[in-house]
Amino acid sequence: MASDWAGGGAYEGMKGFSVTLDYESEQEAERIFAGLADGGHVLVPLQPSFFAKAFGMVIDRFGTPWMVSGGAITA
């Protein structure tokens, strides 16, 4: 559980953090990313990175920022 707003005044949305999800497989990351992106806003499309076969950033339809990765690359 987490909270960043105690009420009172106008709610300004979530800022200054991202929830991170890391999956063993690239396919699972793709499935979750697609669900979060549905009705949301993709900041970084799911793509290969230096640390994972798939990494992306998205803000879901409720305004929650997410970083999703899958298929960790190990040296």
C-alpha atoms as a PDB file:
ATOM      1  CA  MET A   1       0.000   0.000   0.000  1.00  0.00           C
ATOM      2  CA  ALA A   2       1.175   3.516  -0.731  1.00  0.00           C
ATOM      3  CA  SER A   3      -0.307   6.977  -0.503  1.00  0.00           C
ATOM      4  CA  ASP A   4       0.868  10.372  -1.661  1.00  0.00           C
ATOM      5  CA  TRP A   5      -2.216  12.436  -0.935  1.00  0.00           C
ATOM      6  CA  ALA A   6      -3.870  12.957   2.439  1.00  0.00           C
ATOM      7  CA  GLY A   7      -6.823  14.935   1.122  1.00  0.00           C
ATOM      8  CA  GLY A   8      -7.694  18.592   1.355  1.00  0.00           C
ATOM      9  CA  GLY A   9      -7.136  20.924  -1.556  1.00  0.00           C
ATOM     10  CA  ALA A  10      -7.049  19.973  -5.201  1.00  0.00           C
ATOM     11  CA  TYR A  11      -5.516  16.611  -6.085  1.00  0.00           C
ATOM     12  CA  GLU A  12      -2.554  17.237  -8.414  1.00  0.00           C
ATOM     13  CA  GLY A  13      -1.861  13.654  -9.486  1.00  0.00           C
ATOM     14  CA  MET A  14       1.067  11.373  -8.819  1.00  0.00           C
ATOM     15  CA  LYS A  15       4.513  12.869  -9.343  1.00  0.00           C
ATOM     16  CA  GLY A  16       8.147  12.117  -8.642  1.00  0.00           C
ATOM     17  CA  PHE A  17       8.080   8.303  -8.700  1.00  0.00           C
ATOM     18  CA  SER A  18       7.382   5.260 -10.843  1.00  0.00           C
ATOM     19  CA  VAL A  19       6.236   1.801  -9.871  1.00  0.00           C
ATOM     20  CA  THR A  20       8.695  -0.741 -11.274  1.00  0.00           C
ATOM     21  CA  LEU A  21       7.740  -4.213 -12.490  1.00  0.00           C
ATOM     22  CA  ASP A  22      10.443  -6.694 -13.522  1.00  0.00           C
ATOM     23  CA  TYR A  23       9.572 -10.010 -15.190  1.00  0.00           C
ATOM     24  CA  GLU A  24      11.704 -13.012 -16.069  1.00  0.00           C
ATOM     25  CA  SER A  25      10.402 -13.142 -19.631  1.00  0.00           C
ATOM     26  CA  GLU A  26      10.160 -10.528 -22.332  1.00  0.00           C
ATOM     27  CA  GLN A  27       6.717 -11.898 -23.269  1.00  0.00           C
ATOM     28  CA  GLU A  28       5.296 -11.331 -19.780  1.00  0.00           C
ATOM     29  CA  ALA A  29       6.647  -7.763 -19.781  1.00  0.00           C
ATOM     30  CA  GLU A  30       4.986  -7.178 -23.170  1.00  0.00           C
ATOM     31  CA  ARG A  31       1.635  -8.460 -21.890  1.00  0.00           C
ATOM     32  CA  ILE A  32       1.672  -6.296 -18.771  1.00  0.00           C
ATOM     33  CA  PHE A  33       2.944  -3.214 -20.625  1.00  0.00           C
ATOM     34  CA  ALA A  34       0.138  -3.517 -23.186  1.00  0.00           C
ATOM     35  CA  GLY A  35      -2.456  -3.665 -20.405  1.00  0.00           C
ATOM     36  CA  LEU A  36      -1.041  -0.603 -18.644  1.00  0.00           C
ATOM     37  CA  ALA A  37      -0.783   1.323 -21.930  1.00  0.00           C
ATOM     38  CA  ASP A  38      -4.436   0.634 -22.822  1.00  0.00           C
ATOM     39  CA  GLY A  39      -6.069   4.024 -22.281  1.00  0.00           C
ATOM     40  CA  GLY A  40      -2.825   5.434 -20.906  1.00  0.00           C
ATOM     41  CA  HIS A  41       0.175   7.307 -22.282  1.00  0.00           C
ATOM     42  CA  VAL A  42       3.395   5.584 -23.405  1.00  0.00           C
ATOM     43  CA  LEU A  43       6.487   7.577 -22.431  1.00  0.00           C
ATOM     44  CA  VAL A  44       9.090   5.064 -23.652  1.00  0.00           C
ATOM     45  CA  PRO A  45       7.922   2.254 -25.944  1.00  0.00           C
ATOM     46  CA  LEU A  46       8.845  -1.263 -24.861  1.00  0.00           C
ATOM     47  CA  GLN A  47      12.239  -1.906 -26.446  1.00  0.00           C
ATOM     48  CA  PRO A  48      15.590  -3.579 -25.780  1.00  0.00           C
ATOM     49  CA  SER A  49      17.931  -1.834 -23.353  1.00  0.00           C
ATOM     50  CA  PHE A  50      21.386  -2.527 -21.970  1.00  0.00           C
ATOM     51  CA  PHE A  51      19.914  -4.279 -18.904  1.00  0.00           C
ATOM     52  CA  ALA A  52      16.822  -6.056 -20.276  1.00  0.00           C
ATOM     53  CA  LYS A  53      15.470  -7.548 -23.492  1.00  0.00           C
ATOM     54  CA  ALA A  54      12.416  -5.325 -22.995  1.00  0.00           C
ATOM     55  CA  PHE A  55      12.036  -2.035 -21.102  1.00  0.00           C
ATOM     56  CA  GLY A  56       9.394   0.669 -21.304  1.00  0.00           C
ATOM     57  CA  MET A  57       7.748   3.474 -19.375  1.00  0.00           C
ATOM     58  CA  VAL A  58       4.032   4.225 -19.345  1.00  0.00           C
ATOM     59  CA  ILE A  59       1.468   6.241 -17.403  1.00  0.00           C
ATOM     60  CA  ASP A  60      -1.696   4.182 -17.009  1.00  0.00           C
ATOM     61  CA  ARG A  61      -5.223   5.522 -17.492  1.00  0.00           C
ATOM     62  CA  PHE A  62      -5.408   6.387 -13.781  1.00  0.00           C
ATOM     63  CA  GLY A  63      -2.233   8.513 -13.853  1.00  0.00           C
ATOM     64  CA  THR A  64       0.140   6.001 -12.225  1.00  0.00           C
ATOM     65  CA  PRO A  65       3.641   5.988 -13.774  1.00  0.00           C
ATOM     66  CA  TRP A  66       5.168   2.534 -14.455  1.00  0.00           C
ATOM     67  CA  MET A  67       8.540   1.174 -15.581  1.00  0.00           C
ATOM     68  CA  VAL A  68       8.284  -2.366 -16.956  1.00  0.00           C
ATOM     69  CA  SER A  69      11.169  -4.645 -17.834  1.00  0.00           C
ATOM     70  CA  GLY A  70      11.545  -8.273 -18.779  1.00  0.00           C
ATOM     71  CA  GLY A  71      14.250 -10.717 -19.779  1.00  0.00           C
ATOM     72  CA  ALA A  72      17.176  -9.436 -17.756  1.00  0.00           C
ATOM     73  CA  ILE A  73      20.505  -9.373 -19.574  1.00  0.00           C
ATOM     74  CA  THR A  74      23.293 -10.831 -17.487  1.00  0.00           C
ATOM     75  CA  ALA A  75      26.973 -10.578 -18.267  1.00  0.00           C
END
